[in-house]
Amino acid sequence: MPHYQAWEEFTRAAEKLYLADPMKVRVVVKYRHCDGNLCIKVTDDIACLLYRTDQAQDVKKIEKFHSQLMRLMVAKESRSAAMETD
């Protein structure tokens, strides 16, 4: 399971994974209070991408990316066109 250190690399890999097969991708966001870590995991049961942070400013980035993926998952329009415009 690759742990990404750079946010941009993680988002590119997660978008590519989602666009490859949207019906199999799952997204999990987890906060561990005892460690102070926020973790986002994107998986399709074959590949698993993980980004973990303890920085407060990364919370907004994760929230924005998560909501962007959720909008794509419920949208009826072309998924690839919607991802490119955001």
PDB file of N, CA and C in Angstrom:
ATOM      1  N   MET A   1       0.852  -1.167   0.000  1.00  0.00           N
ATOM      2  CA  MET A   1       0.000   0.000   0.000  1.00  0.00           C
ATOM      3  C   MET A   1       0.901   1.234   0.000  1.00  0.00           C
ATOM      4  N   PRO A   2       0.897   1.987  -1.103  1.00  0.00           N
ATOM      5  CA  PRO A   2       1.768   3.165  -1.162  1.00  0.00           C
ATOM      6  C   PRO A   2       1.245   4.317  -0.307  1.00  0.00           C
ATOM      7  N   HIS A   3       2.114   4.832   0.525  1.00  0.00           N
ATOM      8  CA  HIS A   3       1.813   6.012   1.330  1.00  0.00           C
ATOM      9  C   HIS A   3       2.402   7.212   0.597  1.00  0.00           C
ATOM     10  N   TYR A   4       1.559   8.129   0.196  1.00  0.00           N
ATOM     11  CA  TYR A   4       2.020   9.311  -0.530  1.00  0.00           C
ATOM     12  C   TYR A   4       2.410  10.404   0.446  1.00  0.00           C
ATOM     13  N   GLN A   5       3.534  11.042   0.184  1.00  0.00           N
ATOM     14  CA  GLN A   5       4.001  12.167   0.987  1.00  0.00           C
ATOM     15  C   GLN A   5       3.551  13.492   0.377  1.00  0.00           C
ATOM     16  N   ALA A   6       3.438  13.537  -0.951  1.00  0.00           N
ATOM     17  CA  ALA A   6       3.054  14.762  -1.662  1.00  0.00           C
ATOM     18  C   ALA A   6       1.564  14.709  -2.010  1.00  0.00           C
ATOM     19  N   TRP A   7       0.840  15.752  -1.664  1.00  0.00           N
ATOM     20  CA  TRP A   7      -0.602  15.822  -1.893  1.00  0.00           C
ATOM     21  C   TRP A   7      -0.942  15.778  -3.379  1.00  0.00           C
ATOM     22  N   GLU A   8      -0.185  16.491  -4.214  1.00  0.00           N
ATOM     23  CA  GLU A   8      -0.475  16.543  -5.642  1.00  0.00           C
ATOM     24  C   GLU A   8      -0.342  15.162  -6.287  1.00  0.00           C
ATOM     25  N   GLU A   9       0.676  14.410  -5.892  1.00  0.00           N
ATOM     26  CA  GLU A   9       0.851  13.056  -6.426  1.00  0.00           C
ATOM     27  C   GLU A   9      -0.325  12.167  -6.031  1.00  0.00           C
ATOM     28  N   PHE A  10      -0.748  12.282  -4.781  1.00  0.00           N
ATOM     29  CA  PHE A  10      -1.869  11.471  -4.313  1.00  0.00           C
ATOM     30  C   PHE A  10      -3.138  11.790  -5.090  1.00  0.00           C
ATOM     31  N   THR A  11      -3.441  13.079  -5.272  1.00  0.00           N
ATOM     32  CA  THR A  11      -4.686  13.442  -5.965  1.00  0.00           C
ATOM     33  C   THR A  11      -4.669  12.974  -7.416  1.00  0.00           C
ATOM     34  N   ARG A  12      -3.520  13.106  -8.086  1.00  0.00           N
ATOM     35  CA  ARG A  12      -3.432  12.630  -9.477  1.00  0.00           C
ATOM     36  C   ARG A  12      -3.646  11.116  -9.546  1.00  0.00           C
ATOM     37  N   ALA A  13      -3.011  10.375  -8.656  1.00  0.00           N
ATOM     38  CA  ALA A  13      -3.150   8.920  -8.660  1.00  0.00           C
ATOM     39  C   ALA A  13      -4.581   8.507  -8.312  1.00  0.00           C
ATOM     40  N   ALA A  14      -5.205   9.187  -7.366  1.00  0.00           N
ATOM     41  CA  ALA A  14      -6.577   8.865  -6.966  1.00  0.00           C
ATOM     42  C   ALA A  14      -7.563   9.170  -8.097  1.00  0.00           C
ATOM     43  N   GLU A  15      -7.379  10.289  -8.770  1.00  0.00           N
ATOM     44  CA  GLU A  15      -8.247  10.620  -9.903  1.00  0.00           C
ATOM     45  C   GLU A  15      -8.106   9.581 -11.010  1.00  0.00           C
ATOM     46  N   LYS A  16      -6.876   9.180 -11.292  1.00  0.00           N
ATOM     47  CA  LYS A  16      -6.637   8.183 -12.336  1.00  0.00           C
ATOM     48  C   LYS A  16      -7.285   6.855 -11.956  1.00  0.00           C
ATOM     49  N   LEU A  17      -7.162   6.463 -10.701  1.00  0.00           N
ATOM     50  CA  LEU A  17      -7.771   5.226 -10.224  1.00  0.00           C
ATOM     51  C   LEU A  17      -9.292   5.299 -10.333  1.00  0.00           C
ATOM     52  N   TYR A  18      -9.871   6.423  -9.953  1.00  0.00           N
ATOM     53  CA  TYR A  18     -11.328   6.578 -10.025  1.00  0.00           C
ATOM     54  C   TYR A  18     -11.822   6.558 -11.466  1.00  0.00           C
ATOM     55  N   LEU A  19     -11.150   7.274 -12.348  1.00  0.00           N
ATOM     56  CA  LEU A  19     -11.598   7.345 -13.736  1.00  0.00           C
ATOM     57  C   LEU A  19     -11.423   6.020 -14.467  1.00  0.00           C
ATOM     58  N   ALA A  20     -10.509   5.176 -14.015  1.00  0.00           N
ATOM     59  CA  ALA A  20     -10.305   3.878 -14.656  1.00  0.00           C
ATOM     60  C   ALA A  20     -11.515   2.974 -14.468  1.00  0.00           C
ATOM     61  N   ASP A  21     -12.097   2.944 -13.263  1.00  0.00           N
ATOM     62  CA  ASP A  21     -13.282   2.120 -13.003  1.00  0.00           C
ATOM     63  C   ASP A  21     -14.080   2.716 -11.849  1.00  0.00           C
ATOM     64  N   PRO A  22     -14.968   3.659 -12.148  1.00  0.00           N
ATOM     65  CA  PRO A  22     -15.706   4.380 -11.102  1.00  0.00           C
ATOM     66  C   PRO A  22     -16.596   3.497 -10.225  1.00  0.00           C
ATOM     67  N   MET A  23     -17.052   2.371 -10.731  1.00  0.00           N
ATOM     68  CA  MET A  23     -17.973   1.535  -9.963  1.00  0.00           C
ATOM     69  C   MET A  23     -17.283   0.721  -8.863  1.00  0.00           C
ATOM     70  N   LYS A  24     -15.963   0.598  -8.915  1.00  0.00           N
ATOM     71  CA  LYS A  24     -15.257  -0.218  -7.929  1.00  0.00           C
ATOM     72  C   LYS A  24     -14.494   0.594  -6.890  1.00  0.00           C
ATOM     73  N   VAL A  25     -14.403   1.890  -7.064  1.00  0.00           N
ATOM     74  CA  VAL A  25     -13.575   2.717  -6.183  1.00  0.00           C
ATOM     75  C   VAL A  25     -14.333   3.091  -4.916  1.00  0.00           C
ATOM     76  N   ARG A  26     -13.622   2.987  -3.780  1.00  0.00           N
ATOM     77  CA  ARG A  26     -14.150   3.405  -2.485  1.00  0.00           C
ATOM     78  C   ARG A  26     -13.204   4.432  -1.893  1.00  0.00           C
ATOM     79  N   VAL A  27     -13.780   5.368  -1.128  1.00  0.00           N
ATOM     80  CA  VAL A  27     -12.994   6.411  -0.471  1.00  0.00           C
ATOM     81  C   VAL A  27     -13.319   6.378   1.020  1.00  0.00           C
ATOM     82  N   VAL A  28     -12.273   6.375   1.841  1.00  0.00           N
ATOM     83  CA  VAL A  28     -12.446   6.358   3.292  1.00  0.00           C
ATOM     84  C   VAL A  28     -11.623   7.493   3.877  1.00  0.00           C
ATOM     85  N   VAL A  29     -12.245   8.288   4.737  1.00  0.00           N
ATOM     86  CA  VAL A  29     -11.546   9.343   5.467  1.00  0.00           C
ATOM     87  C   VAL A  29     -11.650   8.990   6.947  1.00  0.00           C
ATOM     88  N   LYS A  30     -10.503   8.953   7.619  1.00  0.00           N
ATOM     89  CA  LYS A  30     -10.484   8.535   9.014  1.00  0.00           C
ATOM     90  C   LYS A  30      -9.595   9.469   9.827  1.00  0.00           C
ATOM     91  N   TYR A  31     -10.089   9.844  10.998  1.00  0.00           N
ATOM     92  CA  TYR A  31      -9.304  10.666  11.921  1.00  0.00           C
ATOM     93  C   TYR A  31      -9.040   9.872  13.185  1.00  0.00           C
ATOM     94  N   ARG A  32      -7.772   9.815  13.584  1.00  0.00           N
ATOM     95  CA  ARG A  32      -7.387   9.149  14.832  1.00  0.00           C
ATOM     96  C   ARG A  32      -6.962  10.217  15.822  1.00  0.00           C
ATOM     97  N   HIS A  33      -7.795  10.433  16.826  1.00  0.00           N
ATOM     98  CA  HIS A  33      -7.535  11.484  17.804  1.00  0.00           C
ATOM     99  C   HIS A  33      -6.279  11.197  18.632  1.00  0.00           C
ATOM    100  N   CYS A  34      -6.058   9.932  18.962  1.00  0.00           N
ATOM    101  CA  CYS A  34      -4.899   9.595  19.803  1.00  0.00           C
ATOM    102  C   CYS A  34      -3.578   9.911  19.110  1.00  0.00           C
ATOM    103  N   ASP A  35      -3.526   9.801  17.776  1.00  0.00           N
ATOM    104  CA  ASP A  35      -2.322  10.128  17.013  1.00  0.00           C
ATOM    105  C   ASP A  35      -2.360  11.539  16.444  1.00  0.00           C
ATOM    106  N   GLY A  36      -3.557  12.088  16.304  1.00  0.00           N
ATOM    107  CA  GLY A  36      -3.717  13.387  15.666  1.00  0.00           C
ATOM    108  C   GLY A  36      -3.537  13.304  14.165  1.00  0.00           C
ATOM    109  N   ASN A  37      -3.821  12.140  13.578  1.00  0.00           N
ATOM    110  CA  ASN A  37      -3.645  11.924  12.143  1.00  0.00           C
ATOM    111  C   ASN A  37      -4.975  11.881  11.416  1.00  0.00           C
ATOM    112  N   LEU A  38      -5.002  12.488  10.246  1.00  0.00           N
ATOM    113  CA  LEU A  38      -6.138  12.387   9.336  1.00  0.00           C
ATOM    114  C   LEU A  38      -5.658  11.592   8.138  1.00  0.00           C
ATOM    115  N   CYS A  39      -6.420  10.584   7.765  1.00  0.00           N
ATOM    116  CA  CYS A  39      -6.004   9.669   6.710  1.00  0.00           C
ATOM    117  C   CYS A  39      -7.111   9.583   5.667  1.00  0.00           C
ATOM    118  N   ILE A  40      -6.738   9.634   4.383  1.00  0.00           N
ATOM    119  CA  ILE A  40      -7.681   9.394   3.296  1.00  0.00           C
ATOM    120  C   ILE A  40      -7.144   8.233   2.473  1.00  0.00           C
ATOM    121  N   LYS A  41      -8.025   7.277   2.230  1.00  0.00           N
ATOM    122  CA  LYS A  41      -7.643   6.082   1.488  1.00  0.00           C
ATOM    123  C   LYS A  41      -8.583   5.922   0.308  1.00  0.00           C
ATOM    124  N   VAL A  42      -8.022   5.681  -0.879  1.00  0.00           N
ATOM    125  CA  VAL A  42      -8.789   5.433  -2.087  1.00  0.00           C
ATOM    126  C   VAL A  42      -8.371   4.056  -2.589  1.00  0.00           C
ATOM    127  N   THR A  43      -9.350   3.159  -2.773  1.00  0.00           N
ATOM    128  CA  THR A  43      -9.023   1.800  -3.176  1.00  0.00           C
ATOM    129  C   THR A  43     -10.057   1.248  -4.145  1.00  0.00           C
ATOM    130  N   ASP A  44      -9.604   0.315  -4.963  1.00  0.00           N
ATOM    131  CA  ASP A  44     -10.499  -0.436  -5.836  1.00  0.00           C
ATOM    132  C   ASP A  44     -10.297  -1.939  -5.638  1.00  0.00           C
ATOM    133  N   ASP A  45      -9.786  -2.329  -4.501  1.00  0.00           N
ATOM    134  CA  ASP A  45      -9.479  -3.702  -4.100  1.00  0.00           C
ATOM    135  C   ASP A  45      -8.240  -4.277  -4.785  1.00  0.00           C
ATOM    136  N   ILE A  46      -7.716  -3.607  -5.772  1.00  0.00           N
ATOM    137  CA  ILE A  46      -6.468  -4.033  -6.407  1.00  0.00           C
ATOM    138  C   ILE A  46      -5.360  -3.068  -6.001  1.00  0.00           C
ATOM    139  N   ALA A  47      -5.623  -1.795  -6.179  1.00  0.00           N
ATOM    140  CA  ALA A  47      -4.672  -0.755  -5.781  1.00  0.00           C
ATOM    141  C   ALA A  47      -5.255  -0.006  -4.586  1.00  0.00           C
ATOM    142  N   CYS A  48      -4.398   0.373  -3.673  1.00  0.00           N
ATOM    143  CA  CYS A  48      -4.812   1.098  -2.489  1.00  0.00           C
ATOM    144  C   CYS A  48      -3.883   2.295  -2.307  1.00  0.00           C
ATOM    145  N   LEU A  49      -4.434   3.496  -2.354  1.00  0.00           N
ATOM    146  CA  LEU A  49      -3.657   4.725  -2.224  1.00  0.00           C
ATOM    147  C   LEU A  49      -3.965   5.359  -0.883  1.00  0.00           C
ATOM    148  N   LEU A  50      -2.926   5.804  -0.180  1.00  0.00           N
ATOM    149  CA  LEU A  50      -3.106   6.313   1.169  1.00  0.00           C
ATOM    150  C   LEU A  50      -2.324   7.608   1.347  1.00  0.00           C
ATOM    151  N   TYR A  51      -3.000   8.600   1.936  1.00  0.00           N
ATOM    152  CA  TYR A  51      -2.344   9.857   2.293  1.00  0.00           C
ATOM    153  C   TYR A  51      -2.667  10.151   3.747  1.00  0.00           C
ATOM    154  N   ARG A  52      -1.642  10.362   4.536  1.00  0.00           N
ATOM    155  CA  ARG A  52      -1.820  10.602   5.970  1.00  0.00           C
ATOM    156  C   ARG A  52      -1.134  11.906   6.343  1.00  0.00           C
ATOM    157  N   THR A  53      -1.802  12.700   7.183  1.00  0.00           N
ATOM    158  CA  THR A  53      -1.232  13.981   7.588  1.00  0.00           C
ATOM    159  C   THR A  53      -1.601  14.294   9.027  1.00  0.00           C
ATOM    160  N   ASP A  54      -0.782  15.126   9.633  1.00  0.00           N
ATOM    161  CA  ASP A  54      -1.100  15.637  10.967  1.00  0.00           C
ATOM    162  C   ASP A  54      -1.121  17.163  10.956  1.00  0.00           C
ATOM    163  N   GLN A  55      -1.117  17.747   9.765  1.00  0.00           N
ATOM    164  CA  GLN A  55      -1.120  19.198   9.596  1.00  0.00           C
ATOM    165  C   GLN A  55      -2.550  19.716   9.443  1.00  0.00           C
ATOM    166  N   ALA A  56      -2.874  20.763  10.163  1.00  0.00           N
ATOM    167  CA  ALA A  56      -4.228  21.324  10.134  1.00  0.00           C
ATOM    168  C   ALA A  56      -4.580  21.912   8.768  1.00  0.00           C
ATOM    169  N   GLN A  57      -3.612  22.489   8.064  1.00  0.00           N
ATOM    170  CA  GLN A  57      -3.925  23.103   6.775  1.00  0.00           C
ATOM    171  C   GLN A  57      -4.274  22.064   5.699  1.00  0.00           C
ATOM    172  N   ASP A  58      -3.883  20.814   5.897  1.00  0.00           N
ATOM    173  CA  ASP A  58      -4.210  19.768   4.933  1.00  0.00           C
ATOM    174  C   ASP A  58      -5.660  19.313   5.039  1.00  0.00           C
ATOM    175  N   VAL A  59      -6.321  19.624   6.136  1.00  0.00           N
ATOM    176  CA  VAL A  59      -7.709  19.212   6.317  1.00  0.00           C
ATOM    177  C   VAL A  59      -8.591  19.830   5.238  1.00  0.00           C
ATOM    178  N   LYS A  60      -8.395  21.090   4.923  1.00  0.00           N
ATOM    179  CA  LYS A  60      -9.188  21.758   3.878  1.00  0.00           C
ATOM    180  C   LYS A  60      -8.951  21.110   2.519  1.00  0.00           C
ATOM    181  N   LYS A  61      -7.701  20.764   2.224  1.00  0.00           N
ATOM    182  CA  LYS A  61      -7.390  20.108   0.950  1.00  0.00           C
ATOM    183  C   LYS A  61      -8.106  18.773   0.846  1.00  0.00           C
ATOM    184  N   ILE A  62      -8.055  17.992   1.917  1.00  0.00           N
ATOM    185  CA  ILE A  62      -8.698  16.679   1.913  1.00  0.00           C
ATOM    186  C   ILE A  62     -10.206  16.829   1.798  1.00  0.00           C
ATOM    187  N   GLU A  63     -10.775  17.795   2.516  1.00  0.00           N
ATOM    188  CA  GLU A  63     -12.214  18.023   2.459  1.00  0.00           C
ATOM    189  C   GLU A  63     -12.650  18.414   1.043  1.00  0.00           C
ATOM    190  N   LYS A  64     -11.898  19.285   0.402  1.00  0.00           N
ATOM    191  CA  LYS A  64     -12.229  19.723  -0.957  1.00  0.00           C
ATOM    192  C   LYS A  64     -12.124  18.563  -1.946  1.00  0.00           C
ATOM    193  N   PHE A  65     -11.059  17.780  -1.843  1.00  0.00           N
ATOM    194  CA  PHE A  65     -10.872  16.648  -2.743  1.00  0.00           C
ATOM    195  C   PHE A  65     -11.953  15.591  -2.522  1.00  0.00           C
ATOM    196  N   HIS A  66     -12.289  15.317  -1.282  1.00  0.00           N
ATOM    197  CA  HIS A  66     -13.316  14.330  -0.967  1.00  0.00           C
ATOM    198  C   HIS A  66     -14.673  14.765  -1.520  1.00  0.00           C
ATOM    199  N   SER A  67     -15.016  16.023  -1.356  1.00  0.00           N
ATOM    200  CA  SER A  67     -16.302  16.500  -1.889  1.00  0.00           C
ATOM    201  C   SER A  67     -16.302  16.484  -3.416  1.00  0.00           C
ATOM    202  N   GLN A  68     -15.153  16.753  -4.030  1.00  0.00           N
ATOM    203  CA  GLN A  68     -15.049  16.688  -5.490  1.00  0.00           C
ATOM    204  C   GLN A  68     -15.302  15.257  -5.973  1.00  0.00           C
ATOM    205  N   LEU A  69     -14.722  14.279  -5.305  1.00  0.00           N
ATOM    206  CA  LEU A  69     -14.958  12.886  -5.681  1.00  0.00           C
ATOM    207  C   LEU A  69     -16.413  12.485  -5.456  1.00  0.00           C
ATOM    208  N   MET A  70     -17.011  12.947  -4.370  1.00  0.00           N
ATOM    209  CA  MET A  70     -18.410  12.612  -4.106  1.00  0.00           C
ATOM    210  C   MET A  70     -19.332  13.202  -5.162  1.00  0.00           C
ATOM    211  N   ARG A  71     -19.038  14.439  -5.598  1.00  0.00           N
ATOM    212  CA  ARG A  71     -19.839  15.042  -6.675  1.00  0.00           C
ATOM    213  C   ARG A  71     -19.731  14.217  -7.942  1.00  0.00           C
ATOM    214  N   LEU A  72     -18.544  13.735  -8.267  1.00  0.00           N
ATOM    215  CA  LEU A  72     -18.366  12.911  -9.458  1.00  0.00           C
ATOM    216  C   LEU A  72     -19.126  11.593  -9.348  1.00  0.00           C
ATOM    217  N   MET A  73     -19.160  11.034  -8.161  1.00  0.00           N
ATOM    218  CA  MET A  73     -19.813   9.740  -7.979  1.00  0.00           C
ATOM    219  C   MET A  73     -21.325   9.820  -8.151  1.00  0.00           C
ATOM    220  N   VAL A  74     -21.914  10.971  -7.879  1.00  0.00           N
ATOM    221  CA  VAL A  74     -23.359  11.087  -8.017  1.00  0.00           C
ATOM    222  C   VAL A  74     -23.778  11.820  -9.289  1.00  0.00           C
ATOM    223  N   ALA A  75     -22.829  12.357 -10.041  1.00  0.00           N
ATOM    224  CA  ALA A  75     -23.147  13.112 -11.254  1.00  0.00           C
ATOM    225  C   ALA A  75     -23.575  12.177 -12.372  1.00  0.00           C
ATOM    226  N   LYS A  76     -24.500  12.657 -13.204  1.00  0.00           N
ATOM    227  CA  LYS A  76     -24.953  11.874 -14.348  1.00  0.00           C
ATOM    228  C   LYS A  76     -24.202  12.244 -15.626  1.00  0.00           C
ATOM    229  N   GLU A  77     -23.490  13.346 -15.578  1.00  0.00           N
ATOM    230  CA  GLU A  77     -22.749  13.786 -16.757  1.00  0.00           C
ATOM    231  C   GLU A  77     -21.456  13.000 -16.887  1.00  0.00           C
ATOM    232  N   SER A  78     -20.715  13.302 -17.899  1.00  0.00           N
ATOM    233  CA  SER A  78     -19.446  12.626 -18.142  1.00  0.00           C
ATOM    234  C   SER A  78     -18.488  12.854 -16.987  1.00  0.00           C
ATOM    235  N   ARG A  79     -17.991  11.807 -16.405  1.00  0.00           N
ATOM    236  CA  ARG A  79     -17.114  11.895 -15.248  1.00  0.00           C
ATOM    237  C   ARG A  79     -15.769  12.506 -15.598  1.00  0.00           C
ATOM    238  N   SER A  80     -15.211  12.183 -16.720  1.00  0.00           N
ATOM    239  CA  SER A  80     -13.890  12.716 -17.072  1.00  0.00           C
ATOM    240  C   SER A  80     -13.967  14.206 -17.357  1.00  0.00           C
ATOM    241  N   ALA A  81     -15.016  14.686 -17.978  1.00  0.00           N
ATOM    242  CA  ALA A  81     -15.150  16.107 -18.259  1.00  0.00           C
ATOM    243  C   ALA A  81     -15.315  16.906 -16.972  1.00  0.00           C
ATOM    244  N   ALA A  82     -16.051  16.375 -16.021  1.00  0.00           N
ATOM    245  CA  ALA A  82     -16.263  17.061 -14.748  1.00  0.00           C
ATOM    246  C   ALA A  82     -14.978  17.154 -13.938  1.00  0.00           C
ATOM    247  N   MET A  83     -14.153  16.128 -13.966  1.00  0.00           N
ATOM    248  CA  MET A  83     -12.907  16.122 -13.200  1.00  0.00           C
ATOM    249  C   MET A  83     -11.928  17.140 -13.769  1.00  0.00           C
ATOM    250  N   GLU A  84     -11.906  17.304 -15.080  1.00  0.00           N
ATOM    251  CA  GLU A  84     -10.977  18.235 -15.707  1.00  0.00           C
ATOM    252  C   GLU A  84     -11.338  19.686 -15.461  1.00  0.00           C
ATOM    253  N   THR A  85     -12.629  19.998 -15.276  1.00  0.00           N
ATOM    254  CA  THR A  85     -13.031  21.379 -15.099  1.00  0.00           C
ATOM    255  C   THR A  85     -12.757  21.885 -13.698  1.00  0.00           C
ATOM    256  N   ASP A  86     -12.665  21.009 -12.689  1.00  0.00           N
ATOM    257  CA  ASP A  86     -12.418  21.433 -11.301  1.00  0.00           C
ATOM    258  C   ASP A  86     -10.995  21.641 -11.005  1.00  0.00           C
TER     259      ASP A  86
END
